[in-house]
């Protein structure tokens, strides 16, 4: 299974394969043409409440991760085609957060990899 993550501000490359924006809001300062996104899955992003609690410092990483994984479970059927696509070729989860390690794309990547393992 080939799933990677990349900030939208880094730009696209041929190695990205299928590029999926996984944020609920469109990133500031990036045109849709420049983003070169193949799909935008808003439903794969954390809810507004969860996102605000985490980014506002009201929730730590582990709590965010666990709650977001539970949210993603509700969208398992919708995300299955993306997991299948990652078995066939490279999928890049595109996000806008400045945090490159502890963000929603990292949790989604974990979730999709676990889907592929089953």
C-alpha atoms as a PDB file:
ATOM      1  CA  UNK A   1       0.000   0.000   0.000  1.00  0.00           C
ATOM      2  CA  UNK A   2       1.486   3.311  -1.105  1.00  0.00           C
ATOM      3  CA  UNK A   3       0.233   6.301   0.864  1.00  0.00           C
ATOM      4  CA  UNK A   4       2.290   9.397   1.521  1.00  0.00           C
ATOM      5  CA  UNK A   5       1.546  12.860   2.891  1.00  0.00           C
ATOM      6  CA  UNK A   6       2.474  16.283   1.603  1.00  0.00           C
ATOM      7  CA  UNK A   7       1.749  19.906   2.460  1.00  0.00           C
ATOM      8  CA  UNK A   8      -0.200  21.604  -0.280  1.00  0.00           C
ATOM      9  CA  UNK A   9       2.279  24.495  -0.198  1.00  0.00           C
ATOM     10  CA  UNK A  10       5.078  22.176  -1.380  1.00  0.00           C
ATOM     11  CA  UNK A  11       3.503  21.861  -4.808  1.00  0.00           C
ATOM     12  CA  UNK A  12       2.895  18.719  -6.796  1.00  0.00           C
ATOM     13  CA  UNK A  13       5.299  16.301  -8.464  1.00  0.00           C
ATOM     14  CA  UNK A  14       4.980  13.265 -10.717  1.00  0.00           C
ATOM     15  CA  UNK A  15       5.837  10.995  -7.768  1.00  0.00           C
ATOM     16  CA  UNK A  16       2.675  12.098  -5.906  1.00  0.00           C
ATOM     17  CA  UNK A  17       0.412   9.863  -7.942  1.00  0.00           C
ATOM     18  CA  UNK A  18      -3.235  10.450  -7.018  1.00  0.00           C
ATOM     19  CA  UNK A  19      -3.448  13.666  -4.955  1.00  0.00           C
ATOM     20  CA  UNK A  20      -6.257  13.927  -2.401  1.00  0.00           C
ATOM     21  CA  UNK A  21      -6.960  17.037  -0.338  1.00  0.00           C
ATOM     22  CA  UNK A  22      -7.992  15.857   3.133  1.00  0.00           C
ATOM     23  CA  UNK A  23      -8.852  19.194   4.780  1.00  0.00           C
ATOM     24  CA  UNK A  24     -12.397  20.437   5.319  1.00  0.00           C
ATOM     25  CA  UNK A  25     -11.496  23.975   4.223  1.00  0.00           C
ATOM     26  CA  UNK A  26      -9.696  24.951   1.029  1.00  0.00           C
ATOM     27  CA  UNK A  27      -6.130  26.117   1.862  1.00  0.00           C
ATOM     28  CA  UNK A  28      -5.529  29.860   1.814  1.00  0.00           C
ATOM     29  CA  UNK A  29      -3.556  31.350  -1.031  1.00  0.00           C
ATOM     30  CA  UNK A  30      -3.691  28.270  -3.280  1.00  0.00           C
ATOM     31  CA  UNK A  31      -5.679  28.247  -6.492  1.00  0.00           C
ATOM     32  CA  UNK A  32      -7.419  25.052  -7.525  1.00  0.00           C
ATOM     33  CA  UNK A  33      -5.326  25.023 -10.690  1.00  0.00           C
ATOM     34  CA  UNK A  34      -2.038  25.328  -8.778  1.00  0.00           C
ATOM     35  CA  UNK A  35      -3.078  22.687  -6.228  1.00  0.00           C
ATOM     36  CA  UNK A  36      -3.425  19.982  -8.879  1.00  0.00           C
ATOM     37  CA  UNK A  37      -5.783  17.963  -6.683  1.00  0.00           C
ATOM     38  CA  UNK A  38      -7.432  14.854  -8.134  1.00  0.00           C
ATOM     39  CA  UNK A  39     -10.038  14.599  -5.388  1.00  0.00           C
ATOM     40  CA  UNK A  40     -11.154  16.608  -2.371  1.00  0.00           C
ATOM     41  CA  UNK A  41     -12.639  14.466   0.378  1.00  0.00           C
ATOM     42  CA  UNK A  42     -14.025  16.942   2.912  1.00  0.00           C
ATOM     43  CA  UNK A  43     -15.742  14.132   4.800  1.00  0.00           C
ATOM     44  CA  UNK A  44     -12.328  12.602   5.556  1.00  0.00           C
ATOM     45  CA  UNK A  45     -11.341  15.684   7.563  1.00  0.00           C
ATOM     46  CA  UNK A  46     -11.995  15.953  11.303  1.00  0.00           C
ATOM     47  CA  UNK A  47     -15.168  17.718  12.366  1.00  0.00           C
ATOM     48  CA  UNK A  48     -14.913  21.427  13.036  1.00  0.00           C
ATOM     49  CA  UNK A  49     -15.267  20.843  16.775  1.00  0.00           C
ATOM     50  CA  UNK A  50     -12.505  18.253  16.915  1.00  0.00           C
ATOM     51  CA  UNK A  51     -10.175  20.315  14.734  1.00  0.00           C
ATOM     52  CA  UNK A  52     -10.715  23.447  16.832  1.00  0.00           C
ATOM     53  CA  UNK A  53     -10.199  21.576  20.118  1.00  0.00           C
ATOM     54  CA  UNK A  54      -6.893  20.143  18.904  1.00  0.00           C
ATOM     55  CA  UNK A  55      -5.521  23.273  17.263  1.00  0.00           C
ATOM     56  CA  UNK A  56      -6.760  25.407  20.146  1.00  0.00           C
ATOM     57  CA  UNK A  57      -4.707  23.360  22.604  1.00  0.00           C
ATOM     58  CA  UNK A  58      -7.734  21.977  24.458  1.00  0.00           C
ATOM     59  CA  UNK A  59      -6.865  18.425  23.436  1.00  0.00           C
ATOM     60  CA  UNK A  60      -3.575  16.553  23.149  1.00  0.00           C
ATOM     61  CA  UNK A  61      -2.391  14.520  20.186  1.00  0.00           C
ATOM     62  CA  UNK A  62      -3.413  11.092  21.507  1.00  0.00           C
ATOM     63  CA  UNK A  63      -6.947  12.243  22.372  1.00  0.00           C
ATOM     64  CA  UNK A  64      -7.271  13.881  18.964  1.00  0.00           C
ATOM     65  CA  UNK A  65      -5.978  10.771  17.223  1.00  0.00           C
ATOM     66  CA  UNK A  66      -8.369   8.432  19.042  1.00  0.00           C
ATOM     67  CA  UNK A  67     -11.422  10.643  18.480  1.00  0.00           C
ATOM     68  CA  UNK A  68     -10.550  11.235  14.840  1.00  0.00           C
ATOM     69  CA  UNK A  69     -10.098   7.499  14.233  1.00  0.00           C
ATOM     70  CA  UNK A  70     -13.622   7.008  15.630  1.00  0.00           C
ATOM     71  CA  UNK A  71     -14.914   9.694  13.253  1.00  0.00           C
ATOM     72  CA  UNK A  72     -13.178   8.020  10.322  1.00  0.00           C
ATOM     73  CA  UNK A  73     -14.776   4.700  11.212  1.00  0.00           C
ATOM     74  CA  UNK A  74     -18.148   6.286  10.348  1.00  0.00           C
ATOM     75  CA  UNK A  75     -16.806   6.972   6.830  1.00  0.00           C
ATOM     76  CA  UNK A  76     -15.156   3.578   6.280  1.00  0.00           C
ATOM     77  CA  UNK A  77     -17.328   2.670   3.298  1.00  0.00           C
ATOM     78  CA  UNK A  78     -16.700   6.024   1.599  1.00  0.00           C
ATOM     79  CA  UNK A  79     -12.909   5.718   2.190  1.00  0.00           C
ATOM     80  CA  UNK A  80     -12.631   2.143   0.948  1.00  0.00           C
ATOM     81  CA  UNK A  81     -12.083   3.169  -2.724  1.00  0.00           C
ATOM     82  CA  UNK A  82      -9.181   5.378  -1.631  1.00  0.00           C
ATOM     83  CA  UNK A  83      -7.588   2.476   0.253  1.00  0.00           C
ATOM     84  CA  UNK A  84      -8.034   0.298  -2.840  1.00  0.00           C
ATOM     85  CA  UNK A  85      -6.425   2.967  -5.020  1.00  0.00           C
ATOM     86  CA  UNK A  86      -3.400   2.966  -2.681  1.00  0.00           C
ATOM     87  CA  UNK A  87      -2.962  -0.759  -3.272  1.00  0.00           C
ATOM     88  CA  UNK A  88      -2.800  -0.136  -7.017  1.00  0.00           C
ATOM     89  CA  UNK A  89      -0.537   2.935  -6.965  1.00  0.00           C
ATOM     90  CA  UNK A  90       0.714   5.974  -5.070  1.00  0.00           C
ATOM     91  CA  UNK A  91      -1.794   8.108  -3.167  1.00  0.00           C
ATOM     92  CA  UNK A  92      -0.695  11.411  -1.616  1.00  0.00           C
ATOM     93  CA  UNK A  93      -2.772  12.860   1.195  1.00  0.00           C
ATOM     94  CA  UNK A  94      -2.497  16.627   0.803  1.00  0.00           C
ATOM     95  CA  UNK A  95      -2.999  18.863   3.831  1.00  0.00           C
ATOM     96  CA  UNK A  96      -2.358  22.492   4.789  1.00  0.00           C
ATOM     97  CA  UNK A  97      -1.237  22.256   8.428  1.00  0.00           C
ATOM     98  CA  UNK A  98       2.205  23.605   9.345  1.00  0.00           C
ATOM     99  CA  UNK A  99       2.575  20.575  11.602  1.00  0.00           C
ATOM    100  CA  UNK A 100       4.033  17.859   9.394  1.00  0.00           C
ATOM    101  CA  UNK A 101       3.952  14.940  11.817  1.00  0.00           C
ATOM    102  CA  UNK A 102       0.943  15.369  14.102  1.00  0.00           C
ATOM    103  CA  UNK A 103      -1.934  16.253  11.789  1.00  0.00           C
ATOM    104  CA  UNK A 104      -5.147  14.806  10.399  1.00  0.00           C
ATOM    105  CA  UNK A 105      -3.394  13.417   7.300  1.00  0.00           C
ATOM    106  CA  UNK A 106      -1.163  11.271   9.524  1.00  0.00           C
ATOM    107  CA  UNK A 107      -4.202   9.778  11.262  1.00  0.00           C
ATOM    108  CA  UNK A 108      -5.985   9.226   7.955  1.00  0.00           C
ATOM    109  CA  UNK A 109      -2.868   7.561   6.553  1.00  0.00           C
ATOM    110  CA  UNK A 110      -2.850   5.182   9.547  1.00  0.00           C
ATOM    111  CA  UNK A 111      -6.564   4.466   9.100  1.00  0.00           C
ATOM    112  CA  UNK A 112      -6.232   3.727   5.372  1.00  0.00           C
ATOM    113  CA  UNK A 113      -3.215   1.468   5.915  1.00  0.00           C
ATOM    114  CA  UNK A 114      -5.163  -0.481   8.531  1.00  0.00           C
ATOM    115  CA  UNK A 115      -8.064  -0.830   6.089  1.00  0.00           C
ATOM    116  CA  UNK A 116      -5.698  -2.318   3.514  1.00  0.00           C
ATOM    117  CA  UNK A 117      -4.328  -4.794   6.031  1.00  0.00           C
ATOM    118  CA  UNK A 118      -7.749  -6.343   6.629  1.00  0.00           C
END
